[in-house]
């Protein structure tokens, strides 16, 4: 081997560098920590109320809307009109049954009920009772008043028929807790078998237990007439 400097000297370039002692880095200024805002528990009720009301403008007398008060005679008139309209609907339904002009055959056995147009194929009714038709939409009438439920049911059935739906589920409740009995249940049957809705309904029956049992009914609608895709000249 040849005498001489070692082959690898990685620190040879650092020769001659002098490091001054006693020099220190300038201490950094500690960041000032701002105190956290008071929590809801630490603030009193007055402070909470002022913060909640920030930006709220009190309403002037012109912004308020006061409904016109009804006089006693107007209230009595409206009640009498509603009662007369309901009585006329019942009379028309009973008259149709007496004359034999009713288009529906309705059967009630205990809480179970079913009905269908007189010309319906019995096999269609059997399929409806066994759940062969898939429910495509449902309406829950729980808590609705009589007139409100009537409007809701009519809009639901008409819109469903317009969209081409066939099988619906209407939840009306069993009425066991009501002093007047199943008023809404009986009203739904009457609305489906009389008036404009009777032209759209083919059949109905109490639902299976998985869909509400006797507190709901399946409603089978007529098929929507198909329109021609091309206009004839």
Protein backbone atom coordinates (compact mmCIF):
# COMPACT_ATOMS: atom_id res chain seq x y z
CA UNK A 1 0.00 0.00 0.00
CA UNK A 2 1.10 3.60 -0.62
CA UNK A 3 1.68 5.93 2.32
CA UNK A 4 -0.47 9.07 2.21
CA UNK A 5 -3.79 10.61 3.30
CA UNK A 6 -6.74 8.30 3.71
CA UNK A 7 -8.88 7.66 0.70
CA UNK A 8 -12.12 9.15 2.11
CA UNK A 9 -11.99 12.35 4.22
CA UNK A 10 -15.58 13.68 4.44
CA UNK A 11 -14.82 16.50 6.92
CA UNK A 12 -11.70 17.87 5.25
CA UNK A 13 -13.55 21.02 4.12
CA UNK A 14 -14.41 21.96 7.72
CA UNK A 15 -10.75 22.47 8.70
CA UNK A 16 -10.02 26.02 9.84
CA UNK A 17 -13.60 26.97 10.76
CA UNK A 18 -13.81 28.59 14.21
CA UNK A 19 -17.01 28.39 16.22
CA UNK A 20 -17.60 31.32 18.60
CA UNK A 21 -18.79 30.35 22.00
CA UNK A 22 -21.30 32.19 24.12
CA UNK A 23 -23.67 33.14 21.27
CA UNK A 24 -27.31 32.26 21.84
CA UNK A 25 -30.36 32.63 19.73
CA UNK A 26 -32.67 35.51 20.50
CA UNK A 27 -35.45 34.16 22.69
CA UNK A 28 -38.79 34.04 20.96
CA UNK A 29 -41.67 36.03 22.34
CA UNK A 30 -44.33 33.85 23.72
CA UNK A 31 -47.68 34.17 21.95
CA UNK A 32 -50.30 35.91 23.99
CA UNK A 33 -53.21 33.66 24.80
CA UNK A 34 -56.54 35.43 24.71
CA UNK A 35 -59.00 34.31 27.33
CA UNK A 36 -61.81 32.14 26.00
CA UNK A 37 -65.26 33.68 25.86
CA UNK A 38 -67.57 32.83 28.68
CA UNK A 39 -69.55 29.67 28.28
CA UNK A 40 -73.35 29.56 28.38
CA UNK A 41 -73.18 28.31 31.95
CA UNK A 42 -71.01 31.28 33.03
CA UNK A 43 -73.26 33.90 31.39
CA UNK A 44 -76.37 35.05 33.16
CA UNK A 45 -79.85 35.01 31.63
CA UNK A 46 -79.77 38.71 30.75
CA UNK A 47 -76.54 38.33 28.73
CA UNK A 48 -77.86 35.29 26.92
CA UNK A 49 -81.07 37.10 26.04
CA UNK A 50 -79.18 40.17 24.68
CA UNK A 51 -76.97 37.97 22.49
CA UNK A 52 -79.95 36.02 21.18
CA UNK A 53 -81.80 39.25 20.33
CA UNK A 54 -78.90 40.86 18.42
CA UNK A 55 -80.15 42.16 15.08
CA UNK A 56 -83.82 41.64 15.92
CA UNK A 57 -86.07 44.52 15.00
CA UNK A 58 -89.34 44.93 16.87
CA UNK A 59 -92.43 44.79 14.69
CA UNK A 60 -94.42 47.92 14.24
CA UNK A 61 -98.19 48.08 14.40
CA UNK A 62 -98.33 48.18 10.59
CA UNK A 63 -96.50 44.83 10.29
CA UNK A 64 -99.07 42.89 12.32
CA UNK A 65 -101.98 41.20 10.58
CA UNK A 66 -105.13 40.76 12.59
CA UNK A 67 -107.76 38.36 11.22
CA UNK A 68 -111.24 39.67 10.88
CA UNK A 69 -113.34 38.42 13.79
CA UNK A 70 -116.29 36.18 12.94
CA UNK A 71 -119.63 37.13 14.30
CA UNK A 72 -121.88 34.59 16.00
CA UNK A 73 -124.24 34.54 13.03
CA UNK A 74 -121.39 33.78 10.60
CA UNK A 75 -120.14 30.87 12.72
CA UNK A 76 -123.63 29.39 12.97
CA UNK A 77 -124.11 29.79 9.21
CA UNK A 78 -120.89 27.91 8.40
CA UNK A 79 -121.71 25.09 10.81
CA UNK A 80 -125.16 24.69 9.27
CA UNK A 81 -123.73 24.65 5.73
CA UNK A 82 -121.21 21.94 6.61
CA UNK A 83 -123.87 19.86 8.37
CA UNK A 84 -126.27 20.20 5.42
CA UNK A 85 -123.56 19.19 2.94
CA UNK A 86 -122.68 16.08 4.96
CA UNK A 87 -126.35 15.12 5.30
CA UNK A 88 -126.87 15.45 1.53
CA UNK A 89 -123.92 13.17 0.85
CA UNK A 90 -125.34 10.51 3.15
CA UNK A 91 -128.79 10.81 1.59
CA UNK A 92 -127.37 10.44 -1.92
CA UNK A 93 -125.40 7.35 -0.95
CA UNK A 94 -128.42 5.71 0.71
CA UNK A 95 -130.67 6.58 -2.21
CA UNK A 96 -128.25 4.90 -4.61
CA UNK A 97 -128.29 1.75 -2.50
CA UNK A 98 -132.10 1.70 -2.32
CA UNK A 99 -132.51 2.24 -6.07
CA UNK A 100 -129.89 -0.38 -6.80
CA UNK A 101 -127.87 2.10 -8.84
CA UNK A 102 -124.78 1.87 -6.67
CA UNK A 103 -121.85 0.63 -8.71
CA UNK A 104 -120.08 -0.93 -5.70
CA UNK A 105 -120.68 -4.07 -3.72
CA UNK A 106 -119.45 -3.42 -0.16
CA UNK A 107 -119.10 -6.12 2.50
CA UNK A 108 -118.24 -5.54 6.18
CA UNK A 109 -117.41 -8.41 8.54
CA UNK A 110 -116.49 -7.09 11.97
CA UNK A 111 -113.62 -4.69 11.41
CA UNK A 112 -112.75 -6.20 8.02
CA UNK A 113 -114.24 -4.58 4.94
CA UNK A 114 -113.99 -4.91 1.21
CA UNK A 115 -115.72 -3.47 -1.81
CA UNK A 116 -115.52 -3.57 -5.59
CA UNK A 117 -117.43 -2.54 -8.67
CA UNK A 118 -120.17 -5.03 -9.48
CA UNK A 119 -118.56 -6.04 -12.78
CA UNK A 120 -115.10 -6.80 -11.36
CA UNK A 121 -113.53 -10.19 -12.05
CA UNK A 122 -113.37 -12.13 -8.71
CA UNK A 123 -109.77 -13.12 -9.49
CA UNK A 124 -108.72 -9.47 -9.36
CA UNK A 125 -110.27 -9.06 -5.93
CA UNK A 126 -108.52 -12.20 -4.72
CA UNK A 127 -105.14 -10.87 -5.87
CA UNK A 128 -105.77 -7.59 -4.07
CA UNK A 129 -106.61 -9.33 -0.77
CA UNK A 130 -103.56 -11.59 -0.91
CA UNK A 131 -101.19 -8.68 -1.56
CA UNK A 132 -100.21 -9.61 -5.13
CA UNK A 133 -100.38 -5.95 -6.14
CA UNK A 134 -97.36 -3.96 -4.92
CA UNK A 135 -98.25 -0.80 -2.99
CA UNK A 136 -96.98 2.14 -5.03
CA UNK A 137 -97.98 5.02 -2.74
CA UNK A 138 -99.56 5.49 0.68
CA UNK A 139 -101.51 8.18 2.54
CA UNK A 140 -101.71 8.50 6.33
CA UNK A 141 -104.88 10.23 7.57
CA UNK A 142 -104.11 9.89 11.29
CA UNK A 143 -104.98 13.08 13.17
CA UNK A 144 -106.78 14.71 10.21
CA UNK A 145 -110.23 16.22 10.61
CA UNK A 146 -113.09 14.92 8.49
CA UNK A 147 -113.12 17.67 5.88
CA UNK A 148 -109.33 17.83 5.81
CA UNK A 149 -109.13 14.07 5.28
CA UNK A 150 -111.61 14.28 2.42
CA UNK A 151 -109.51 16.86 0.58
CA UNK A 152 -106.33 14.86 1.20
CA UNK A 153 -107.86 11.61 -0.02
CA UNK A 154 -109.30 13.14 -3.18
CA UNK A 155 -106.02 14.81 -4.13
CA UNK A 156 -104.07 11.63 -3.36
CA UNK A 157 -106.28 9.36 -5.48
CA UNK A 158 -106.57 11.79 -8.41
CA UNK A 159 -102.83 12.48 -8.53
CA UNK A 160 -101.99 8.78 -8.26
CA UNK A 161 -104.36 7.93 -11.11
CA UNK A 162 -102.90 10.71 -13.24
CA UNK A 163 -99.40 9.24 -12.70
CA UNK A 164 -100.57 5.79 -13.75
CA UNK A 165 -100.37 4.17 -10.30
CA UNK A 166 -102.62 1.19 -9.60
CA UNK A 167 -102.37 0.03 -5.97
CA UNK A 168 -102.51 2.48 -3.05
CA UNK A 169 -102.50 2.15 0.73
CA UNK A 170 -104.71 4.49 2.77
CA UNK A 171 -104.18 4.48 6.55
CA UNK A 172 -107.35 5.61 8.33
CA UNK A 173 -107.00 4.02 11.78
CA UNK A 174 -109.35 1.66 13.57
CA UNK A 175 -111.14 4.33 15.60
CA UNK A 176 -111.20 2.20 18.76
CA UNK A 177 -110.23 5.12 21.00
CA UNK A 178 -112.86 7.43 19.53
CA UNK A 179 -116.18 7.86 21.31
CA UNK A 180 -117.94 8.08 17.94
CA UNK A 181 -116.36 4.89 16.61
CA UNK A 182 -114.46 4.50 13.32
CA UNK A 183 -115.86 7.67 11.77
CA UNK A 184 -112.91 8.28 9.47
CA UNK A 185 -112.85 4.65 8.33
CA UNK A 186 -116.50 4.76 7.31
CA UNK A 187 -116.05 8.13 5.66
CA UNK A 188 -113.16 6.87 3.51
CA UNK A 189 -115.32 4.01 2.20
CA UNK A 190 -118.12 6.43 1.37
CA UNK A 191 -115.78 8.84 -0.43
CA UNK A 192 -114.28 6.05 -2.51
CA UNK A 193 -117.67 4.68 -3.60
CA UNK A 194 -119.50 7.95 -4.34
CA UNK A 195 -118.77 11.13 -6.23
CA UNK A 196 -115.83 11.70 -8.55
CA UNK A 197 -113.51 9.17 -6.87
CA UNK A 198 -115.89 6.30 -7.60
CA UNK A 199 -115.04 6.68 -11.29
CA UNK A 200 -111.36 5.99 -10.58
CA UNK A 201 -111.65 3.12 -8.07
CA UNK A 202 -112.02 -0.55 -8.98
CA UNK A 203 -111.80 -2.23 -5.57
CA UNK A 204 -110.59 -1.86 -2.00
CA UNK A 205 -110.16 -4.09 1.03
CA UNK A 206 -108.64 -4.09 4.51
CA UNK A 207 -104.87 -4.39 4.42
CA UNK A 208 -102.80 -7.32 5.63
CA UNK A 209 -101.35 -7.13 9.17
CA UNK A 210 -97.93 -6.15 7.84
CA UNK A 211 -99.47 -3.04 6.22
CA UNK A 212 -101.76 -1.95 9.06
CA UNK A 213 -104.48 -4.59 9.16
CA UNK A 214 -108.01 -3.29 9.60
CA UNK A 215 -106.62 0.20 10.26
CA UNK A 216 -105.76 0.61 6.57
CA UNK A 217 -107.12 -0.40 3.17
CA UNK A 218 -105.69 -1.29 -0.21
CA UNK A 219 -107.21 0.73 -3.04
CA UNK A 220 -107.00 -0.58 -6.61
CA UNK A 221 -107.43 2.11 -9.27
CA UNK A 222 -108.60 1.80 -12.83
CA UNK A 223 -106.00 1.89 -15.56
CA UNK A 224 -105.30 5.32 -16.94
CA UNK A 225 -106.34 5.60 -20.61
CA UNK A 226 -103.25 5.50 -22.81
CA UNK A 227 -102.87 8.39 -25.20
CA UNK A 228 -101.59 7.94 -28.72
CA UNK A 229 -97.90 8.79 -29.01
CA UNK A 230 -98.41 10.22 -32.49
CA UNK A 231 -101.14 12.60 -33.53
CA UNK A 232 -103.22 11.50 -36.44
CA UNK A 233 -103.34 13.91 -39.38
